[in-house]
Amino acid sequence: MDFGSINPVVLLASLMVASTPILLAALGEMVVEKSGVLNLGVEGMMITGAVCGFIASVESGSPLVGFIAAAAGGALLSMLFGIVTQFFLATQVPAGLALTLIGVGLASMLGQNYVGVQSPRTPEMPVPVLQDIPVIGPIMFQHDAMVYFSLLAVLAVWAVLKFTRAGLILRAVGENHTAAHALGYKVRLVRFCAIGFGGAMAGLGGAYISLIRVPQWTDGITAGIGWIALAIVVFASWRPLRVLIGAYLFGGITVLQLNLQAAGAKVPVELLSMSPFIATIVVLVAISARSKGGISGPAMLGRIFEAR
């Protein structure tokens, strides 16, 4: 095995790229769960965003149009989940699983005429001056706009949840929807908006895969990243900055296993491909073991709200 073929700078720069779709999807899901809603349909929204973004980008020739379409596609699919769970009071877990199945099937149908087609190239946006810093510059400041957007989104979500009235209302709804309703807050509207935001972010994460990481369409292109994003929310204890750490940790594992394969590691390829999911399970078990009484999220997480 030739470890000398692995360039640390390229490895770390690739880590940021590999982590971006996970980070976008996990950040959106964290906001959804902060409102007290458990949406297990992240994988379905991601792959729907991936196909919508890919088709829009190919047909328009613009990656920007693709990302806008991806956010819209993910948000629209999430609205279906929102209507079913918030207005028809369906149980959230099976509704989320159904959303994933719908998204995967819809993406397969829409993308069948685009298999093997290349998407327009998304240009990199190196940051002037900072890109010239030795080592740090090539790692952090020579990426496309979506990498920077994902980092800014973490800071924005953290600031909104911590310092704004909207963030306070969102957290209040997630902790005690009955009390929030009694105070006059529109619980369903708050949750519906959170669900839409989560869908848009998942759609952007999916489009990042189909437009930048793997700039062509294939069935199942998200390859389970949505499930990892769900696990990262728990790993991060529903905190935005920890979501960033978790996404980069699991993105790093993904990049490392690809580099080990390229370096000729004498480990079965199937086992290396399983490593991000194995790491996810190990981390969640470890967190659960250390948390007295189990992992605790927002008090109303997954519970149905009935206005009275």
C-alpha atoms as a PDB file:
ATOM      1  CA  MET A   1       0.000   0.000   0.000  1.00  0.00           C
ATOM      2  CA  ASP A   2       1.441   3.369  -1.043  1.00  0.00           C
ATOM      3  CA  PHE A   3       0.583   6.007   1.596  1.00  0.00           C
ATOM      4  CA  GLY A   4       2.944   8.394  -0.191  1.00  0.00           C
ATOM      5  CA  SER A   5       0.318   8.815  -2.903  1.00  0.00           C
ATOM      6  CA  ILE A   6      -2.027  10.483  -0.401  1.00  0.00           C
ATOM      7  CA  ASN A   7      -1.471  14.260  -0.371  1.00  0.00           C
ATOM      8  CA  PRO A   8      -2.602  15.665   3.031  1.00  0.00           C
ATOM      9  CA  VAL A   9      -3.497  19.076   1.578  1.00  0.00           C
ATOM     10  CA  VAL A  10      -5.606  17.563  -1.195  1.00  0.00           C
ATOM     11  CA  LEU A  11      -7.129  15.151   1.332  1.00  0.00           C
ATOM     12  CA  LEU A  12      -8.253  17.980   3.635  1.00  0.00           C
ATOM     13  CA  ALA A  13      -9.529  20.090   0.737  1.00  0.00           C
ATOM     14  CA  SER A  14     -11.506  17.073  -0.508  1.00  0.00           C
ATOM     15  CA  LEU A  15     -12.865  16.627   3.015  1.00  0.00           C
ATOM     16  CA  MET A  16     -14.564  20.030   2.821  1.00  0.00           C
ATOM     17  CA  VAL A  17     -16.139  19.145  -0.515  1.00  0.00           C
ATOM     18  CA  ALA A  18     -17.316  15.715   0.673  1.00  0.00           C
ATOM     19  CA  SER A  19     -18.743  17.175   3.882  1.00  0.00           C
ATOM     20  CA  THR A  20     -20.781  19.963   2.280  1.00  0.00           C
ATOM     21  CA  PRO A  21     -23.861  17.938   1.198  1.00  0.00           C
ATOM     22  CA  ILE A  22     -23.957  16.213   4.602  1.00  0.00           C
ATOM     23  CA  LEU A  23     -23.648  19.561   6.374  1.00  0.00           C
ATOM     24  CA  LEU A  24     -26.418  21.216   4.361  1.00  0.00           C
ATOM     25  CA  ALA A  25     -28.866  18.354   4.884  1.00  0.00           C
ATOM     26  CA  ALA A  26     -28.022  17.887   8.577  1.00  0.00           C
ATOM     27  CA  LEU A  27     -28.333  21.609   9.313  1.00  0.00           C
ATOM     28  CA  GLY A  28     -31.773  21.728   7.713  1.00  0.00           C
ATOM     29  CA  GLU A  29     -32.929  18.634   9.596  1.00  0.00           C
ATOM     30  CA  MET A  30     -31.641  20.083  12.866  1.00  0.00           C
ATOM     31  CA  VAL A  31     -33.892  23.123  12.424  1.00  0.00           C
ATOM     32  CA  VAL A  32     -36.841  20.829  11.662  1.00  0.00           C
ATOM     33  CA  GLU A  33     -36.212  18.770  14.789  1.00  0.00           C
ATOM     34  CA  LYS A  34     -35.737  21.905  16.893  1.00  0.00           C
ATOM     35  CA  SER A  35     -39.377  22.671  16.078  1.00  0.00           C
ATOM     36  CA  GLY A  36     -40.428  19.273  17.430  1.00  0.00           C
ATOM     37  CA  VAL A  37     -40.826  17.489  14.088  1.00  0.00           C
ATOM     38  CA  LEU A  38     -38.960  14.303  13.158  1.00  0.00           C
ATOM     39  CA  ASN A  39     -38.649  14.032   9.382  1.00  0.00           C
ATOM     40  CA  LEU A  40     -36.977  10.807   8.296  1.00  0.00           C
ATOM     41  CA  GLY A  41     -37.423  11.727   4.645  1.00  0.00           C
ATOM     42  CA  VAL A  42     -34.069  13.523   4.310  1.00  0.00           C
ATOM     43  CA  GLU A  43     -32.744  10.965   1.809  1.00  0.00           C
ATOM     44  CA  GLY A  44     -35.845  11.382  -0.360  1.00  0.00           C
ATOM     45  CA  MET A  45     -35.620  15.180  -0.295  1.00  0.00           C
ATOM     46  CA  MET A  46     -31.907  15.064  -1.088  1.00  0.00           C
ATOM     47  CA  ILE A  47     -32.272  12.859  -4.130  1.00  0.00           C
ATOM     48  CA  THR A  48     -35.258  14.898  -5.332  1.00  0.00           C
ATOM     49  CA  GLY A  49     -33.158  18.041  -5.028  1.00  0.00           C
ATOM     50  CA  ALA A  50     -30.336  16.249  -6.830  1.00  0.00           C
ATOM     51  CA  VAL A  51     -32.464  15.355  -9.852  1.00  0.00           C
ATOM     52  CA  CYS A  52     -34.327  18.688  -9.984  1.00  0.00           C
ATOM     53  CA  GLY A  53     -31.071  20.607  -9.751  1.00  0.00           C
ATOM     54  CA  PHE A  54     -29.393  18.428 -12.354  1.00  0.00           C
ATOM     55  CA  ILE A  55     -32.205  18.707 -14.896  1.00  0.00           C
ATOM     56  CA  ALA A  56     -32.564  22.462 -14.406  1.00  0.00           C
ATOM     57  CA  SER A  57     -28.817  22.971 -14.700  1.00  0.00           C
ATOM     58  CA  VAL A  58     -28.501  20.877 -17.856  1.00  0.00           C
ATOM     59  CA  GLU A  59     -31.494  22.465 -19.559  1.00  0.00           C
ATOM     60  CA  SER A  60     -30.574  26.037 -18.623  1.00  0.00           C
ATOM     61  CA  GLY A  61     -26.800  25.684 -18.758  1.00  0.00           C
ATOM     62  CA  SER A  62     -26.569  27.429 -15.386  1.00  0.00           C
ATOM     63  CA  PRO A  63     -25.520  25.733 -12.118  1.00  0.00           C
ATOM     64  CA  LEU A  64     -27.128  28.615 -10.200  1.00  0.00           C
ATOM     65  CA  VAL A  65     -30.513  27.832 -11.747  1.00  0.00           C
ATOM     66  CA  GLY A  66     -29.877  24.200 -10.836  1.00  0.00           C
ATOM     67  CA  PHE A  67     -29.321  24.981  -7.166  1.00  0.00           C
ATOM     68  CA  ILE A  68     -32.418  27.189  -7.035  1.00  0.00           C
ATOM     69  CA  ALA A  69     -34.489  24.397  -8.601  1.00  0.00           C
ATOM     70  CA  ALA A  70     -32.995  21.886  -6.164  1.00  0.00           C
ATOM     71  CA  ALA A  71     -33.974  23.983  -3.150  1.00  0.00           C
ATOM     72  CA  ALA A  72     -37.484  24.400  -4.579  1.00  0.00           C
ATOM     73  CA  GLY A  73     -37.803  20.668  -5.326  1.00  0.00           C
ATOM     74  CA  GLY A  74     -36.690  19.627  -1.849  1.00  0.00           C
ATOM     75  CA  ALA A  75     -38.952  22.204  -0.218  1.00  0.00           C
ATOM     76  CA  LEU A  76     -41.991  21.180  -2.285  1.00  0.00           C
ATOM     77  CA  LEU A  77     -41.526  17.523  -1.403  1.00  0.00           C
ATOM     78  CA  SER A  78     -41.161  18.443   2.268  1.00  0.00           C
ATOM     79  CA  MET A  79     -44.484  20.320   2.019  1.00  0.00           C
ATOM     80  CA  LEU A  80     -46.159  16.985   1.331  1.00  0.00           C
ATOM     81  CA  PHE A  81     -44.737  15.690   4.613  1.00  0.00           C
ATOM     82  CA  GLY A  82     -45.809  18.908   6.347  1.00  0.00           C
ATOM     83  CA  ILE A  83     -49.400  18.674   5.124  1.00  0.00           C
ATOM     84  CA  VAL A  84     -49.722  15.013   6.061  1.00  0.00           C
ATOM     85  CA  THR A  85     -48.233  15.381   9.550  1.00  0.00           C
ATOM     86  CA  GLN A  86     -49.351  18.859  10.597  1.00  0.00           C
ATOM     87  CA  PHE A  87     -52.850  19.024   9.131  1.00  0.00           C
ATOM     88  CA  PHE A  88     -53.882  15.383   8.798  1.00  0.00           C
ATOM     89  CA  LEU A  89     -51.942  14.470  11.985  1.00  0.00           C
ATOM     90  CA  ALA A  90     -50.242  11.419  10.496  1.00  0.00           C
ATOM     91  CA  THR A  91     -47.515   9.748  12.552  1.00  0.00           C
ATOM     92  CA  GLN A  92     -44.213  11.349  11.630  1.00  0.00           C
ATOM     93  CA  VAL A  93     -41.948   8.288  11.429  1.00  0.00           C
ATOM     94  CA  PRO A  94     -43.853   6.313   8.753  1.00  0.00           C
ATOM     95  CA  ALA A  95     -44.654   9.556   6.912  1.00  0.00           C
ATOM     96  CA  GLY A  96     -40.939  10.361   6.725  1.00  0.00           C
ATOM     97  CA  LEU A  97     -40.073   6.879   5.516  1.00  0.00           C
ATOM     98  CA  ALA A  98     -42.785   7.141   2.867  1.00  0.00           C
ATOM     99  CA  LEU A  99     -41.312  10.474   1.797  1.00  0.00           C
ATOM    100  CA  THR A 100     -37.968   8.805   1.193  1.00  0.00           C
ATOM    101  CA  LEU A 101     -39.583   6.117  -0.959  1.00  0.00           C
ATOM    102  CA  ILE A 102     -41.506   8.752  -2.931  1.00  0.00           C
ATOM    103  CA  GLY A 103     -38.380  10.846  -3.444  1.00  0.00           C
ATOM    104  CA  VAL A 104     -36.266   7.913  -4.623  1.00  0.00           C
ATOM    105  CA  GLY A 105     -38.961   6.744  -7.046  1.00  0.00           C
ATOM    106  CA  LEU A 106     -39.615  10.253  -8.344  1.00  0.00           C
ATOM    107  CA  ALA A 107     -35.904  10.880  -8.910  1.00  0.00           C
ATOM    108  CA  SER A 108     -35.526   7.600 -10.776  1.00  0.00           C
ATOM    109  CA  MET A 109     -38.437   8.469 -13.062  1.00  0.00           C
ATOM    110  CA  LEU A 110     -37.359  12.059 -13.749  1.00  0.00           C
ATOM    111  CA  GLY A 111     -33.703  11.198 -14.241  1.00  0.00           C
ATOM    112  CA  GLN A 112     -34.028   8.213 -16.575  1.00  0.00           C
ATOM    113  CA  ASN A 113     -33.416  10.361 -19.684  1.00  0.00           C
ATOM    114  CA  TYR A 114     -30.365  12.021 -18.136  1.00  0.00           C
ATOM    115  CA  VAL A 115     -28.302   8.993 -17.127  1.00  0.00           C
ATOM    116  CA  GLY A 116     -24.676   9.574 -18.079  1.00  0.00           C
ATOM    117  CA  VAL A 117     -25.259  13.212 -19.071  1.00  0.00           C
ATOM    118  CA  GLN A 118     -22.668  15.705 -17.802  1.00  0.00           C
ATOM    119  CA  SER A 119     -23.860  18.772 -15.926  1.00  0.00           C
ATOM    120  CA  PRO A 120     -22.428  22.258 -16.604  1.00  0.00           C
ATOM    121  CA  ARG A 121     -19.241  22.880 -14.650  1.00  0.00           C
ATOM    122  CA  THR A 122     -19.607  24.874 -11.438  1.00  0.00           C
ATOM    123  CA  PRO A 123     -16.701  27.328 -11.216  1.00  0.00           C
ATOM    124  CA  GLU A 124     -14.511  27.575  -8.157  1.00  0.00           C
ATOM    125  CA  MET A 125     -14.423  30.870  -6.269  1.00  0.00           C
ATOM    126  CA  PRO A 126     -10.995  31.222  -4.661  1.00  0.00           C
ATOM    127  CA  VAL A 127     -10.830  33.953  -2.030  1.00  0.00           C
ATOM    128  CA  PRO A 128      -8.323  36.640  -3.042  1.00  0.00           C
ATOM    129  CA  VAL A 129      -5.242  36.930  -0.806  1.00  0.00           C
ATOM    130  CA  LEU A 130      -6.431  34.164   1.534  1.00  0.00           C
ATOM    131  CA  GLN A 131      -6.001  31.537  -1.173  1.00  0.00           C
ATOM    132  CA  ASP A 132      -2.268  32.305  -1.229  1.00  0.00           C
ATOM    133  CA  ILE A 133      -1.714  31.414   2.437  1.00  0.00           C
ATOM    134  CA  PRO A 134       0.577  28.347   2.527  1.00  0.00           C
ATOM    135  CA  VAL A 135      -1.260  25.077   3.288  1.00  0.00           C
ATOM    136  CA  ILE A 136      -4.373  26.789   4.713  1.00  0.00           C
ATOM    137  CA  GLY A 137      -5.160  28.624   1.464  1.00  0.00           C
ATOM    138  CA  PRO A 138      -5.478  25.530  -0.776  1.00  0.00           C
ATOM    139  CA  ILE A 139      -7.422  23.689   1.928  1.00  0.00           C
ATOM    140  CA  MET A 140      -9.998  26.327   2.886  1.00  0.00           C
ATOM    141  CA  PHE A 141     -10.112  29.111   0.318  1.00  0.00           C
ATOM    142  CA  GLN A 142     -10.115  27.501  -3.129  1.00  0.00           C
ATOM    143  CA  HIS A 143     -13.605  26.063  -3.271  1.00  0.00           C
ATOM    144  CA  ASP A 144     -16.924  26.665  -4.984  1.00  0.00           C
ATOM    145  CA  ALA A 145     -19.539  29.037  -3.584  1.00  0.00           C
ATOM    146  CA  MET A 146     -21.629  26.300  -1.956  1.00  0.00           C
ATOM    147  CA  VAL A 147     -18.810  25.309   0.400  1.00  0.00           C
ATOM    148  CA  TYR A 148     -18.663  28.869   1.704  1.00  0.00           C
ATOM    149  CA  PHE A 149     -22.459  29.067   1.765  1.00  0.00           C
ATOM    150  CA  SER A 150     -22.673  25.967   3.968  1.00  0.00           C
ATOM    151  CA  LEU A 151     -20.269  27.502   6.502  1.00  0.00           C
ATOM    152  CA  LEU A 152     -22.157  30.801   6.521  1.00  0.00           C
ATOM    153  CA  ALA A 153     -25.421  28.878   6.929  1.00  0.00           C
ATOM    154  CA  VAL A 154     -24.096  27.272  10.120  1.00  0.00           C
ATOM    155  CA  LEU A 155     -23.298  30.685  11.587  1.00  0.00           C
ATOM    156  CA  ALA A 156     -26.633  32.110  10.453  1.00  0.00           C
ATOM    157  CA  VAL A 157     -28.671  29.272  11.965  1.00  0.00           C
ATOM    158  CA  TRP A 158     -26.694  29.472  15.206  1.00  0.00           C
ATOM    159  CA  ALA A 159     -27.272  33.232  15.445  1.00  0.00           C
ATOM    160  CA  VAL A 160     -30.984  33.007  14.616  1.00  0.00           C
ATOM    161  CA  LEU A 161     -31.637  30.246  17.161  1.00  0.00           C
ATOM    162  CA  LYS A 162     -29.637  31.948  19.893  1.00  0.00           C
ATOM    163  CA  PHE A 163     -30.297  35.652  19.488  1.00  0.00           C
ATOM    164  CA  THR A 164     -33.562  36.248  17.613  1.00  0.00           C
ATOM    165  CA  ARG A 165     -37.219  36.148  18.534  1.00  0.00           C
ATOM    166  CA  ALA A 166     -37.908  33.772  15.649  1.00  0.00           C
ATOM    167  CA  GLY A 167     -35.335  31.357  17.046  1.00  0.00           C
ATOM    168  CA  LEU A 168     -36.844  31.626  20.525  1.00  0.00           C
ATOM    169  CA  ILE A 169     -40.317  30.830  19.154  1.00  0.00           C
ATOM    170  CA  LEU A 170     -38.981  27.859  17.179  1.00  0.00           C
ATOM    171  CA  ARG A 171     -37.279  26.429  20.269  1.00  0.00           C
ATOM    172  CA  ALA A 172     -40.359  27.092  22.402  1.00  0.00           C
ATOM    173  CA  VAL A 173     -42.561  25.166  19.973  1.00  0.00           C
ATOM    174  CA  GLY A 174     -40.106  22.269  20.032  1.00  0.00           C
ATOM    175  CA  GLU A 175     -39.923  22.152  23.818  1.00  0.00           C
ATOM    176  CA  ASN A 176     -43.605  22.616  24.684  1.00  0.00           C
ATOM    177  CA  HIS A 177     -46.038  23.121  21.839  1.00  0.00           C
ATOM    178  CA  THR A 178     -49.043  23.358  24.182  1.00  0.00           C
ATOM    179  CA  ALA A 179     -47.543  26.249  26.131  1.00  0.00           C
ATOM    180  CA  ALA A 180     -46.418  27.941  22.904  1.00  0.00           C
ATOM    181  CA  HIS A 181     -49.954  27.653  21.529  1.00  0.00           C
ATOM    182  CA  ALA A 182     -51.378  29.083  24.758  1.00  0.00           C
ATOM    183  CA  LEU A 183     -49.086  32.100  24.356  1.00  0.00           C
ATOM    184  CA  GLY A 184     -50.552  32.716  20.918  1.00  0.00           C
ATOM    185  CA  TYR A 185     -47.838  31.266  18.703  1.00  0.00           C
ATOM    186  CA  LYS A 186     -48.982  29.465  15.550  1.00  0.00           C
ATOM    187  CA  VAL A 187     -47.414  26.064  16.160  1.00  0.00           C
ATOM    188  CA  ARG A 188     -48.363  24.526  12.832  1.00  0.00           C
ATOM    189  CA  LEU A 189     -47.147  27.533  10.864  1.00  0.00           C
ATOM    190  CA  VAL A 190     -43.813  27.550  12.701  1.00  0.00           C
ATOM    191  CA  ARG A 191     -43.338  23.844  12.083  1.00  0.00           C
ATOM    192  CA  PHE A 192     -44.438  24.128   8.468  1.00  0.00           C
ATOM    193  CA  CYS A 193     -41.829  26.839   7.846  1.00  0.00           C
ATOM    194  CA  ALA A 194     -39.157  24.734   9.569  1.00  0.00           C
ATOM    195  CA  ILE A 195     -40.089  21.703   7.455  1.00  0.00           C
ATOM    196  CA  GLY A 196     -39.830  23.798   4.282  1.00  0.00           C
ATOM    197  CA  PHE A 197     -36.418  25.105   5.305  1.00  0.00           C
ATOM    198  CA  GLY A 198     -35.229  21.570   6.028  1.00  0.00           C
ATOM    199  CA  GLY A 199     -36.448  20.400   2.631  1.00  0.00           C
ATOM    200  CA  ALA A 200     -34.707  23.250   0.818  1.00  0.00           C
ATOM    201  CA  MET A 201     -31.417  22.571   2.598  1.00  0.00           C
ATOM    202  CA  ALA A 202     -31.663  18.845   1.849  1.00  0.00           C
ATOM    203  CA  GLY A 203     -32.366  19.689  -1.786  1.00  0.00           C
ATOM    204  CA  LEU A 204     -29.263  21.879  -1.930  1.00  0.00           C
ATOM    205  CA  GLY A 205     -27.230  19.061  -0.412  1.00  0.00           C
ATOM    206  CA  GLY A 206     -28.495  16.671  -3.061  1.00  0.00           C
ATOM    207  CA  ALA A 207     -27.748  19.120  -5.863  1.00  0.00           C
ATOM    208  CA  TYR A 208     -24.215  19.559  -4.565  1.00  0.00           C
ATOM    209  CA  ILE A 209     -23.675  15.868  -5.169  1.00  0.00           C
ATOM    210  CA  SER A 210     -25.159  15.784  -8.677  1.00  0.00           C
ATOM    211  CA  LEU A 211     -23.685  19.097  -9.847  1.00  0.00           C
ATOM    212  CA  ILE A 212     -20.268  19.197  -8.175  1.00  0.00           C
ATOM    213  CA  ARG A 213     -19.158  15.996  -6.452  1.00  0.00           C
ATOM    214  CA  VAL A 214     -20.448  13.635  -9.153  1.00  0.00           C
ATOM    215  CA  PRO A 215     -21.342  15.960 -12.057  1.00  0.00           C
ATOM    216  CA  GLN A 216     -23.556  13.479 -13.868  1.00  0.00           C
ATOM    217  CA  TRP A 217     -26.796  11.683 -13.129  1.00  0.00           C
ATOM    218  CA  THR A 218     -27.028   8.099 -11.873  1.00  0.00           C
ATOM    219  CA  ASP A 219     -29.809   6.382  -9.935  1.00  0.00           C
ATOM    220  CA  GLY A 220     -29.275   6.387  -6.187  1.00  0.00           C
ATOM    221  CA  ILE A 221     -26.708   9.153  -6.448  1.00  0.00           C
ATOM    222  CA  THR A 222     -27.117  10.241  -2.796  1.00  0.00           C
ATOM    223  CA  ALA A 223     -26.100   6.737  -1.641  1.00  0.00           C
ATOM    224  CA  GLY A 224     -27.499   6.982   1.881  1.00  0.00           C
ATOM    225  CA  ILE A 225     -26.028  10.377   2.799  1.00  0.00           C
ATOM    226  CA  GLY A 226     -29.447  11.484   4.021  1.00  0.00           C
ATOM    227  CA  TRP A 227     -29.391   8.806   6.699  1.00  0.00           C
ATOM    228  CA  ILE A 228     -25.947   9.928   7.842  1.00  0.00           C
ATOM    229  CA  ALA A 229     -27.268  13.497   8.040  1.00  0.00           C
ATOM    230  CA  LEU A 230     -30.066  12.299  10.330  1.00  0.00           C
ATOM    231  CA  ALA A 231     -27.550  10.586  12.597  1.00  0.00           C
ATOM    232  CA  ILE A 232     -25.334  13.675  12.710  1.00  0.00           C
ATOM    233  CA  VAL A 233     -28.186  15.745  14.153  1.00  0.00           C
ATOM    234  CA  VAL A 234     -28.286  13.360  17.118  1.00  0.00           C
ATOM    235  CA  PHE A 235     -24.480  13.235  17.283  1.00  0.00           C
ATOM    236  CA  ALA A 236     -24.454  17.045  17.449  1.00  0.00           C
ATOM    237  CA  SER A 237     -27.053  17.170  20.249  1.00  0.00           C
ATOM    238  CA  TRP A 238     -29.112  19.535  18.082  1.00  0.00           C
ATOM    239  CA  ARG A 239     -26.438  22.270  18.115  1.00  0.00           C
ATOM    240  CA  PRO A 240     -25.395  23.987  14.838  1.00  0.00           C
ATOM    241  CA  LEU A 241     -21.658  24.205  15.515  1.00  0.00           C
ATOM    242  CA  ARG A 242     -21.561  20.541  16.500  1.00  0.00           C
ATOM    243  CA  VAL A 243     -23.413  19.713  13.286  1.00  0.00           C
ATOM    244  CA  LEU A 244     -20.482  21.298  11.451  1.00  0.00           C
ATOM    245  CA  ILE A 245     -17.995  19.151  13.388  1.00  0.00           C
ATOM    246  CA  GLY A 246     -20.041  16.003  12.836  1.00  0.00           C
ATOM    247  CA  ALA A 247     -20.436  16.625   9.100  1.00  0.00           C
ATOM    248  CA  TYR A 248     -16.707  17.185   8.662  1.00  0.00           C
ATOM    249  CA  LEU A 249     -15.913  14.113  10.748  1.00  0.00           C
ATOM    250  CA  PHE A 250     -18.068  11.814   8.632  1.00  0.00           C
ATOM    251  CA  GLY A 251     -17.070  13.553   5.407  1.00  0.00           C
ATOM    252  CA  GLY A 252     -13.473  12.930   6.401  1.00  0.00           C
ATOM    253  CA  ILE A 253     -14.159   9.231   6.891  1.00  0.00           C
ATOM    254  CA  THR A 254     -15.702   9.075   3.415  1.00  0.00           C
ATOM    255  CA  VAL A 255     -12.713  10.788   1.795  1.00  0.00           C
ATOM    256  CA  LEU A 256     -10.238   8.688   3.744  1.00  0.00           C
ATOM    257  CA  GLN A 257     -11.788   5.394   2.651  1.00  0.00           C
ATOM    258  CA  LEU A 258     -11.672   6.526  -0.988  1.00  0.00           C
ATOM    259  CA  ASN A 259      -7.995   7.458  -0.638  1.00  0.00           C
ATOM    260  CA  LEU A 260      -7.212   4.152   1.046  1.00  0.00           C
ATOM    261  CA  GLN A 261      -8.795   2.330  -1.878  1.00  0.00           C
ATOM    262  CA  ALA A 262      -6.721   4.398  -4.322  1.00  0.00           C
ATOM    263  CA  ALA A 263      -3.563   3.688  -2.288  1.00  0.00           C
ATOM    264  CA  GLY A 264      -4.193  -0.050  -2.568  1.00  0.00           C
ATOM    265  CA  ALA A 265      -5.211  -0.806   1.019  1.00  0.00           C
ATOM    266  CA  LYS A 266      -5.460  -4.549   1.611  1.00  0.00           C
ATOM    267  CA  VAL A 267      -8.974  -4.216   2.992  1.00  0.00           C
ATOM    268  CA  PRO A 268     -12.085  -5.378   1.128  1.00  0.00           C
ATOM    269  CA  VAL A 269     -13.574  -2.500  -0.867  1.00  0.00           C
ATOM    270  CA  GLU A 270     -17.015  -3.350   0.505  1.00  0.00           C
ATOM    271  CA  LEU A 271     -15.775  -2.903   4.077  1.00  0.00           C
ATOM    272  CA  LEU A 272     -14.190   0.458   3.273  1.00  0.00           C
ATOM    273  CA  SER A 273     -17.420   1.602   1.606  1.00  0.00           C
ATOM    274  CA  MET A 274     -19.331   0.617   4.741  1.00  0.00           C
ATOM    275  CA  SER A 275     -16.990   2.568   7.028  1.00  0.00           C
ATOM    276  CA  PRO A 276     -18.995   5.854   7.195  1.00  0.00           C
ATOM    277  CA  PHE A 277     -22.131   3.940   8.211  1.00  0.00           C
ATOM    278  CA  ILE A 278     -20.241   1.777  10.694  1.00  0.00           C
ATOM    279  CA  ALA A 279     -18.734   4.925  12.212  1.00  0.00           C
ATOM    280  CA  THR A 280     -22.230   6.430  12.447  1.00  0.00           C
ATOM    281  CA  ILE A 281     -23.539   3.461  14.412  1.00  0.00           C
ATOM    282  CA  VAL A 282     -20.484   3.366  16.710  1.00  0.00           C
ATOM    283  CA  VAL A 283     -20.730   7.086  17.502  1.00  0.00           C
ATOM    284  CA  LEU A 284     -24.473   6.926  18.239  1.00  0.00           C
ATOM    285  CA  VAL A 285     -24.012   3.914  20.520  1.00  0.00           C
ATOM    286  CA  ALA A 286     -21.178   5.707  22.332  1.00  0.00           C
ATOM    287  CA  ILE A 287     -23.269   8.871  22.792  1.00  0.00           C
ATOM    288  CA  SER A 288     -26.233   6.867  24.052  1.00  0.00           C
ATOM    289  CA  ALA A 289     -24.038   4.994  26.533  1.00  0.00           C
ATOM    290  CA  ARG A 290     -22.613   8.236  27.927  1.00  0.00           C
ATOM    291  CA  SER A 291     -25.958  10.008  28.177  1.00  0.00           C
ATOM    292  CA  LYS A 292     -27.846   9.187  31.351  1.00  0.00           C
ATOM    293  CA  GLY A 293     -31.366   8.200  30.407  1.00  0.00           C
ATOM    294  CA  GLY A 294     -30.472   8.068  26.715  1.00  0.00           C
ATOM    295  CA  ILE A 295     -30.089  10.787  24.094  1.00  0.00           C
ATOM    296  CA  SER A 296     -32.455  13.683  24.779  1.00  0.00           C
ATOM    297  CA  GLY A 297     -33.601  16.006  22.029  1.00  0.00           C
ATOM    298  CA  PRO A 298     -36.366  18.633  21.938  1.00  0.00           C
ATOM    299  CA  ALA A 299     -39.107  17.541  24.349  1.00  0.00           C
ATOM    300  CA  MET A 300     -41.859  17.535  21.696  1.00  0.00           C
ATOM    301  CA  LEU A 301     -39.786  15.728  19.050  1.00  0.00           C
ATOM    302  CA  GLY A 302     -42.065  13.452  17.033  1.00  0.00           C
ATOM    303  CA  ARG A 303     -45.182  14.292  19.026  1.00  0.00           C
ATOM    304  CA  ILE A 304     -48.382  15.303  17.256  1.00  0.00           C
ATOM    305  CA  PHE A 305     -49.837  18.730  18.020  1.00  0.00           C
ATOM    306  CA  GLU A 306     -53.624  19.030  18.206  1.00  0.00           C
ATOM    307  CA  ALA A 307     -54.977  22.560  18.629  1.00  0.00           C
ATOM    308  CA  ARG A 308     -57.752  22.859  21.215  1.00  0.00           C
END
